[in-house]
């Protein structure tokens, strides 16, 4: 079942998918299929609600019924659109493609078909009126000294053709910076293709990057272009580049040096013009010393390094980041205006944030979705994360609190589970994600508390 591994790991830049259509068995099955592939899925029944979601979201692709798919395809700035057909009648498919839909899916569905449809849709040029191939990506937020240095480096690096290497901890926003470099470059109107090298099994990674010829292996039923060819004229972003197998490192080096590649199972060479941006959270110098990374490739990648500071070293940006995420998440979930009091902002600034900006966004999403009313107060925030509130009683006595959901009362746990199930319309997989517990743990707790 090697092809299933490809399905769950091989999608290029498609992590957030919007499902638009009636809440029926077909949509639920597709939702579960995407969940298993590790995708972030939002499901909606109404076109207007989908438009509001897309306006405040960094969605990567939309899978919709034919009518809504055609309407969204005609609107500027929308992400790739995949139309879901319940008939294999060619005329309907051609009409949708003529209307601007990027890709077609026909029932009955399987994981390979969904994977290929999303992959092909993501490879399409940006829809006219969008802000370029990277449209939909959230901006770089923060005006502190550290982010000002990052922005200056982006402008300097973007003006060159040289390879860039982005260094930083997980969750610091390396792909956002890569996109910003691309947008600041002369290639801004061409494709930006991103792939996480750690997410694709080594046996499939060579074919993903360099393509393959028909008959190269058992499942190679046709010639297939790799990511380098898809990014021709534009930018290819290799995240977690330190995870590349040594054998592939040699092939990558050749592409960088010669500007040409050879597909798996082919003898002909193909010229490519690609600007490469790589990223890693590892110390590549240590990887070289340990023999896990080629020294010559390291020097080839490390032409223009840029380091992203962790959130704990740019705490001055946390208030701006928190309010930005609150506005965007409120729009995504249709919550209206949301208020973050000063005490909540102070508490957020006081946290260490080992997960960096990604952790901050996740915490705010849990708080916004599960809270009652437009105001997120400090007492409630402490139920979705460990919060140390910087407060005193006026006499110098520290009133800081540190609570977690595990220490909350049984009544509060039951209430959180009910809220999560309400928000997700009974989808237990998504509810478990909101609560940050396993699906099995959620089922156990529902049985324990008699929640149906």
Foldseek 3Di string as FASTA:
>chain_A
DQLVLCLLFVAWPAAEEEEEADPDPQSVVVVVLSVVSNHHYHYYHDLVLVVLQLVLALHAEYEYAQPSLLVQQQDAAGHAYEHEAADPPVVSVVVSVVSRHQYYHYPPDDSNSVSVRSRSSLLDWHRPNHPFSSGSDDADFDDDPQVVVLVVLLLVQLADLAAEEEEEDAQLCPVNSVLSSQCNHPLRRAHEIEHEPVRHDQVCVLCQAAWAAQPLDDPRNHTDGHPQQSQFSGEYEYEQVLPHAAVVLVQVVCCLVPQWHAHRPGDDIDHGRYRYYYYHHDDVVVCVVVVSHPPVSVVRNHPRYDYRYFCLVRLVRQVRLLLSLQVSLCSNLVPPAADEDPQNSQQRSPDNPPNGSVVSSLLSNLQSQQDPDRYRDPVSSLADAFTFGQDDPVPPHGPTDTHYVVPDDLVVVVSLLVSLCVSVVNPLCSSCVSSVHHSVVSVVSCVVVVND
